[in-house]
Amino acid sequence: MAKIQAIRGMNDILPEQTPVWQYVEETVRQVLTGYGYQEIRMPVVEQTDLFKRSIGEVTDIVEKEMYTFDDRNGDSLTLRPEGTAGCVRAAEEHGLLFNQSRRLWYMGPMFRHERPQKGRYRQFHQIGVECFGMDGPDIDAELLVLTARLWRALGLHSHTRLEINSIGTSESRKRYREALVAYLSDFRDRLDADSQRRLTTNPLRILDSKNPETQAILQDAPSLDDYMDEESQLHFSRLKALLDAAGIEYTVNPRLVRGLDYYGKTVFEWITDSLGAQGTVCAGGRYDGLVEQLGGKPTVAVGFAMGLERLILLLETLDLVPASVNNDADVYVTALGEPAVATAQRVSEQVRSALPGLTVVTHCGGGSFKSQMKKADRSGARAALILGDNEVQAGTVGLKPLRSDAGQQEVPQSEVIEALRKLLDQ
């Protein structure tokens, strides 16, 4: 019988890989908590209409990438392709936005049916941040300042750069869209296939095309700046002033747009040049109309998302994962003979209680002294506690350093905690 394997593009995260995931997740958690952001957890399955109404029916995500199915009641459900829509739905459903501002964040798997490649998978993981009820550019700036702090915490500050833009209000984008379509229609036959399709569905995404010939055509295209409303111009000008005051370096990219329909005014991307074509590690912007679009009262909002797979790939590519991020044990407790097993369990529990920061692995399953010591060495432990018949009768524990040439010493069981503390600098 053939073995069942994981679905293509949906990967297991193995024990050897989870320490770096935990490191990144905890670093992000500490930064966000330090700014007063609260965690929210949403379901991975939502009604399909939530994403059609928020993301836009003519976007690539809705048209080609969503995992959508009918449940047994005949309802159309979708595995979430992104987190913002679900966060808005949850916040509105539970009254979190009623006459108050909110700073929220979440973490978890998202799903898109696209061609798997390094750093881009069908099940991927995102950390998202969403802020509601604050209409000034100060909250936009805060998101960029805290993200810059995260890059410093991870050692990525010199490997990322910030690009920002304003895409104005829906009214100004509508005027610009008409001018852009009129211009590009004269070059339809020279546009790449995706851009030809987007010309009638989502023309602003053509600005984001990576096709060299399309980019050459866009050089003389109308500029969004010429159609920008005064309110958006002022908002963007104040944002740039706040970033300048905070010492955040940025580049204004007039071609930067976001792929989802709900964005307006501020949009931004943090980009790295260390991952080839997969250069965006964090992206977001304002979406002031989305809450109302999904049935709530008008509520301004701004947020961003970052992909964990891509962020971890960047850390590993640049060799920036700290050496301390590993699965190594600190202490390995061996037990040779039946009487020693109970003593080993008791001593292990005493060590865990007295030195809670340590990882203590107690040998189970029997085996010779030699085989147990081999496992102790493979565990990465810095010290082994050795218990056999002689130690049990004498009330002692053998303490053997595993990462130095120091010899084994016999320690009374009552003194093993202090001896370990001294050996491991606890």
Foldseek 3Di string as FASTA:
>chain_A
DDDDDDDFQDDDQDQFRVLLVVVLVVLLVVLCVVVVAAEDDFDQKDQLVLCCLWQHCLFCQNPPWWDWDADPVRTIMTGAQDDPSRVLVVCQVVVVQPVDKHKYKYKDWGATPDDDDQLDGRIFMKIKIKIKFDDALVVVLVVVLSVCVSCVVLVNNVFKAKEKEFLADPVLVVVLLVQQLVQCVVVLVVDDPVCNSCSPPPNLCLLVDPDPSSVVSCVPGDFSVVSHDPVLVVRVVVNVVSCVVVVHDYHYDSSDDDRGPQAGRMWMFMFGPQPPPPTTFKIWHKRQANSVSVPHDRMTMIMMMGTPSNVSVVCVSVVSDDPVSGQAFAEEEEEADDVRLVVSVVLQVVLCVVPVVGGYHYDDDHDDPVVSVVVNVVSNHQWYWYDYPVCVVVQWIWIQGNPDPDGIDIGHSVCVNVVSCVSVVD
